[in-house]
Amino acid sequence: MTLTTELKIMRLIRISEVMNKTSLAKSTIYKYMTQGEFPPAVQLSKNFVAWVEEEVEEWIATKISDRDFDSIESSDERKTDSDALSTP
């Protein structure tokens, strides 16, 4: 796949769509960007920015994965704690 082909399949999305996809407020998105916790915007002109849709979707997938991992970890900890309590 060439660079030109890769650029053709990329989609840039505006803040309203980023907010819709993430359910985050505009100020939270910018705060997370400043903290390095959210994909950076692409400056298209002086007053126009957009985000790479795939990067936003990867960020969402990471949040879901983190949640699932934390859930498994918590479940394992509860199981270990209950096993310890039931052992004489």
N, C-alpha and C. Protein backbone atom coordinates (compact mmCIF):
# COMPACT_ATOMS: atom_id res chain seq x y z
N MET A 1 0.86 -1.18 0.00
CA MET A 1 0.00 0.00 0.00
C MET A 1 0.90 1.24 0.00
N THR A 2 0.63 2.15 -0.89
CA THR A 2 1.44 3.36 -0.98
C THR A 2 0.94 4.41 -0.03
N LEU A 3 1.76 5.41 0.23
CA LEU A 3 1.38 6.51 1.11
C LEU A 3 0.15 7.22 0.58
N THR A 4 0.08 7.40 -0.74
CA THR A 4 -1.08 8.07 -1.34
C THR A 4 -2.35 7.27 -1.07
N THR A 5 -2.29 5.97 -1.19
CA THR A 5 -3.45 5.12 -0.93
C THR A 5 -3.84 5.22 0.54
N GLU A 6 -2.86 5.21 1.43
CA GLU A 6 -3.15 5.30 2.86
C GLU A 6 -3.84 6.62 3.19
N LEU A 7 -3.40 7.71 2.59
CA LEU A 7 -4.00 9.00 2.86
C LEU A 7 -5.44 9.07 2.35
N LYS A 8 -5.72 8.37 1.27
CA LYS A 8 -7.07 8.39 0.72
C LYS A 8 -8.08 7.71 1.63
N ILE A 9 -7.64 6.71 2.41
CA ILE A 9 -8.59 6.01 3.26
C ILE A 9 -8.72 6.66 4.64
N MET A 10 -7.85 7.62 4.96
CA MET A 10 -7.96 8.32 6.24
C MET A 10 -9.13 9.28 6.18
N ARG A 11 -9.82 9.40 7.30
CA ARG A 11 -10.94 10.32 7.37
C ARG A 11 -10.70 11.26 8.53
N LEU A 12 -10.85 12.55 8.29
CA LEU A 12 -10.72 13.54 9.35
C LEU A 12 -12.11 13.92 9.84
N ILE A 13 -12.24 14.06 11.15
CA ILE A 13 -13.54 14.39 11.73
C ILE A 13 -13.42 15.64 12.59
N ARG A 14 -14.50 16.39 12.62
CA ARG A 14 -14.55 17.65 13.37
C ARG A 14 -14.87 17.37 14.84
N ILE A 15 -14.72 18.40 15.66
CA ILE A 15 -14.91 18.28 17.11
C ILE A 15 -16.30 17.73 17.46
N SER A 16 -17.32 18.14 16.72
CA SER A 16 -18.67 17.66 17.05
C SER A 16 -18.78 16.15 16.91
N GLU A 17 -18.12 15.60 15.90
CA GLU A 17 -18.16 14.15 15.73
C GLU A 17 -17.29 13.45 16.77
N VAL A 18 -16.15 14.07 17.13
CA VAL A 18 -15.31 13.51 18.18
C VAL A 18 -16.10 13.47 19.49
N MET A 19 -16.81 14.55 19.79
CA MET A 19 -17.63 14.60 20.99
C MET A 19 -18.71 13.52 20.95
N ASN A 20 -19.33 13.34 19.80
CA ASN A 20 -20.38 12.33 19.65
C ASN A 20 -19.82 10.92 19.84
N LYS A 21 -18.67 10.64 19.23
CA LYS A 21 -18.08 9.31 19.34
C LYS A 21 -17.61 8.98 20.75
N THR A 22 -17.07 9.98 21.46
CA THR A 22 -16.47 9.72 22.78
C THR A 22 -17.40 10.02 23.95
N SER A 23 -18.45 10.78 23.70
CA SER A 23 -19.36 11.27 24.75
C SER A 23 -18.65 12.20 25.73
N LEU A 24 -17.56 12.80 25.28
CA LEU A 24 -16.82 13.76 26.10
C LEU A 24 -17.18 15.19 25.70
N ALA A 25 -17.08 16.09 26.66
CA ALA A 25 -17.28 17.51 26.38
C ALA A 25 -16.06 18.05 25.64
N LYS A 26 -16.27 19.12 24.90
CA LYS A 26 -15.18 19.75 24.15
C LYS A 26 -14.01 20.10 25.07
N SER A 27 -14.30 20.68 26.23
CA SER A 27 -13.23 21.08 27.15
C SER A 27 -12.45 19.87 27.66
N THR A 28 -13.12 18.75 27.85
CA THR A 28 -12.45 17.53 28.32
C THR A 28 -11.53 16.98 27.24
N ILE A 29 -11.98 17.02 26.00
CA ILE A 29 -11.15 16.55 24.89
C ILE A 29 -9.86 17.37 24.82
N TYR A 30 -9.99 18.70 24.90
CA TYR A 30 -8.80 19.55 24.84
C TYR A 30 -7.92 19.37 26.07
N LYS A 31 -8.52 19.16 27.23
CA LYS A 31 -7.74 18.91 28.45
C LYS A 31 -6.94 17.61 28.30
N TYR A 32 -7.59 16.56 27.83
CA TYR A 32 -6.90 15.29 27.64
C TYR A 32 -5.78 15.43 26.60
N MET A 33 -6.03 16.21 25.54
CA MET A 33 -4.98 16.44 24.53
C MET A 33 -3.77 17.12 25.17
N THR A 34 -4.03 18.14 25.98
CA THR A 34 -2.96 18.87 26.64
C THR A 34 -2.15 17.96 27.55
N GLN A 35 -2.82 17.02 28.18
CA GLN A 35 -2.17 16.06 29.08
C GLN A 35 -1.53 14.89 28.33
N GLY A 36 -1.69 14.86 27.01
CA GLY A 36 -1.14 13.77 26.21
C GLY A 36 -1.94 12.49 26.32
N GLU A 37 -3.19 12.59 26.75
CA GLU A 37 -4.03 11.41 26.95
C GLU A 37 -5.08 11.21 25.86
N PHE A 38 -5.00 12.03 24.81
CA PHE A 38 -5.97 11.94 23.72
C PHE A 38 -5.24 12.27 22.42
N PRO A 39 -5.63 11.67 21.31
CA PRO A 39 -4.95 11.95 20.05
C PRO A 39 -4.94 13.45 19.73
N PRO A 40 -3.84 13.94 19.24
CA PRO A 40 -3.77 15.37 18.90
C PRO A 40 -4.58 15.69 17.65
N ALA A 41 -5.05 16.91 17.60
CA ALA A 41 -5.78 17.38 16.43
C ALA A 41 -4.79 17.71 15.32
N VAL A 42 -5.28 17.66 14.09
CA VAL A 42 -4.50 18.05 12.92
C VAL A 42 -4.90 19.48 12.56
N GLN A 43 -3.93 20.38 12.57
CA GLN A 43 -4.21 21.79 12.22
C GLN A 43 -4.30 21.89 10.71
N LEU A 44 -5.50 22.18 10.20
CA LEU A 44 -5.70 22.26 8.76
C LEU A 44 -5.60 23.69 8.24
N SER A 45 -5.92 24.65 9.09
CA SER A 45 -5.74 26.06 8.77
C SER A 45 -5.70 26.81 10.10
N LYS A 46 -5.63 28.13 10.03
CA LYS A 46 -5.51 28.91 11.26
C LYS A 46 -6.62 28.61 12.27
N ASN A 47 -7.84 28.49 11.80
CA ASN A 47 -8.99 28.29 12.70
C ASN A 47 -9.71 26.97 12.46
N PHE A 48 -9.01 25.99 11.93
CA PHE A 48 -9.69 24.75 11.56
C PHE A 48 -8.83 23.56 11.95
N VAL A 49 -9.35 22.73 12.85
CA VAL A 49 -8.67 21.50 13.24
C VAL A 49 -9.61 20.32 13.07
N ALA A 50 -9.03 19.15 12.95
CA ALA A 50 -9.81 17.92 12.85
C ALA A 50 -8.96 16.80 13.44
N TRP A 51 -9.59 15.67 13.66
CA TRP A 51 -8.91 14.50 14.22
C TRP A 51 -8.96 13.37 13.22
N VAL A 52 -7.95 12.53 13.24
CA VAL A 52 -7.95 11.33 12.41
C VAL A 52 -8.92 10.35 13.05
N GLU A 53 -9.95 10.00 12.33
CA GLU A 53 -11.02 9.16 12.89
C GLU A 53 -10.47 7.86 13.47
N GLU A 54 -9.56 7.22 12.78
CA GLU A 54 -9.00 5.95 13.24
C GLU A 54 -8.29 6.12 14.59
N GLU A 55 -7.60 7.25 14.79
CA GLU A 55 -6.91 7.48 16.07
C GLU A 55 -7.90 7.64 17.21
N VAL A 56 -9.01 8.31 16.94
CA VAL A 56 -10.05 8.47 17.96
C VAL A 56 -10.67 7.11 18.28
N GLU A 57 -10.93 6.33 17.26
CA GLU A 57 -11.52 5.01 17.47
C GLU A 57 -10.55 4.09 18.21
N GLU A 58 -9.24 4.21 17.95
CA GLU A 58 -8.24 3.43 18.69
C GLU A 58 -8.22 3.85 20.16
N TRP A 59 -8.36 5.15 20.42
CA TRP A 59 -8.40 5.64 21.79
C TRP A 59 -9.60 5.05 22.53
N ILE A 60 -10.75 5.03 21.87
CA ILE A 60 -11.95 4.44 22.46
C ILE A 60 -11.73 2.95 22.73
N ALA A 61 -11.17 2.24 21.77
CA ALA A 61 -10.92 0.80 21.93
C ALA A 61 -9.97 0.54 23.10
N THR A 62 -8.97 1.41 23.27
CA THR A 62 -8.04 1.27 24.38
C THR A 62 -8.75 1.45 25.71
N LYS A 63 -9.65 2.43 25.78
CA LYS A 63 -10.42 2.65 27.01
C LYS A 63 -11.26 1.42 27.34
N ILE A 64 -11.87 0.82 26.34
CA ILE A 64 -12.69 -0.38 26.55
C ILE A 64 -11.80 -1.54 27.00
N SER A 65 -10.66 -1.69 26.35
CA SER A 65 -9.72 -2.75 26.72
C SER A 65 -9.22 -2.57 28.15
N ASP A 66 -8.90 -1.33 28.52
CA ASP A 66 -8.46 -1.05 29.90
C ASP A 66 -9.55 -1.42 30.89
N ARG A 67 -10.79 -1.08 30.56
CA ARG A 67 -11.91 -1.42 31.44
C ARG A 67 -12.03 -2.92 31.61
N ASP A 68 -11.95 -3.65 30.50
CA ASP A 68 -12.08 -5.10 30.55
C ASP A 68 -10.93 -5.73 31.33
N PHE A 69 -9.71 -5.22 31.15
CA PHE A 69 -8.56 -5.75 31.88
C PHE A 69 -8.71 -5.48 33.37
N ASP A 70 -9.13 -4.25 33.71
CA ASP A 70 -9.33 -3.90 35.13
C ASP A 70 -10.41 -4.78 35.75
N SER A 71 -11.45 -5.09 34.98
CA SER A 71 -12.54 -5.93 35.46
C SER A 71 -12.04 -7.34 35.75
N ILE A 72 -11.20 -7.87 34.87
CA ILE A 72 -10.65 -9.21 35.06
C ILE A 72 -9.72 -9.22 36.27
N GLU A 73 -8.89 -8.19 36.38
CA GLU A 73 -7.97 -8.09 37.52
C GLU A 73 -8.74 -8.02 38.84
N SER A 74 -9.78 -7.20 38.89
CA SER A 74 -10.59 -7.06 40.10
C SER A 74 -11.26 -8.38 40.45
N SER A 75 -11.73 -9.09 39.44
CA SER A 75 -12.38 -10.38 39.66
C SER A 75 -11.38 -11.38 40.23
N ASP A 76 -10.16 -11.39 39.69
CA ASP A 76 -9.13 -12.29 40.19
C ASP A 76 -8.77 -11.95 41.63
N GLU A 77 -8.69 -10.67 41.96
CA GLU A 77 -8.37 -10.25 43.33
C GLU A 77 -9.47 -10.68 44.30
N ARG A 78 -10.74 -10.51 43.89
CA ARG A 78 -11.84 -10.92 44.76
C ARG A 78 -11.81 -12.43 44.97
N LYS A 79 -11.50 -13.17 43.91
CA LYS A 79 -11.45 -14.63 44.01
C LYS A 79 -10.32 -15.04 44.96
N THR A 80 -9.17 -14.41 44.83
CA THR A 80 -8.03 -14.70 45.71
C THR A 80 -8.38 -14.37 47.15
N ASP A 81 -9.02 -13.24 47.39
CA ASP A 81 -9.42 -12.84 48.74
C ASP A 81 -10.41 -13.83 49.33
N SER A 82 -11.38 -14.27 48.55
CA SER A 82 -12.38 -15.20 49.08
C SER A 82 -11.77 -16.58 49.31
N ASP A 83 -10.82 -16.97 48.47
CA ASP A 83 -10.12 -18.25 48.67
C ASP A 83 -9.33 -18.21 49.97
N ALA A 84 -8.70 -17.09 50.24
CA ALA A 84 -7.90 -16.95 51.46
C ALA A 84 -8.78 -17.01 52.70
N LEU A 85 -10.00 -16.45 52.62
CA LEU A 85 -10.91 -16.46 53.76
C LEU A 85 -11.48 -17.84 54.02
N SER A 86 -11.67 -18.64 52.96
CA SER A 86 -12.27 -19.96 53.14
C SER A 86 -11.25 -21.03 53.51
N THR A 87 -9.97 -20.72 53.40
CA THR A 87 -8.92 -21.68 53.77
C THR A 87 -8.69 -21.64 55.27
N PRO A 88 -8.79 -22.82 55.95
CA PRO A 88 -8.60 -22.84 57.41
C PRO A 88 -7.16 -22.62 57.82
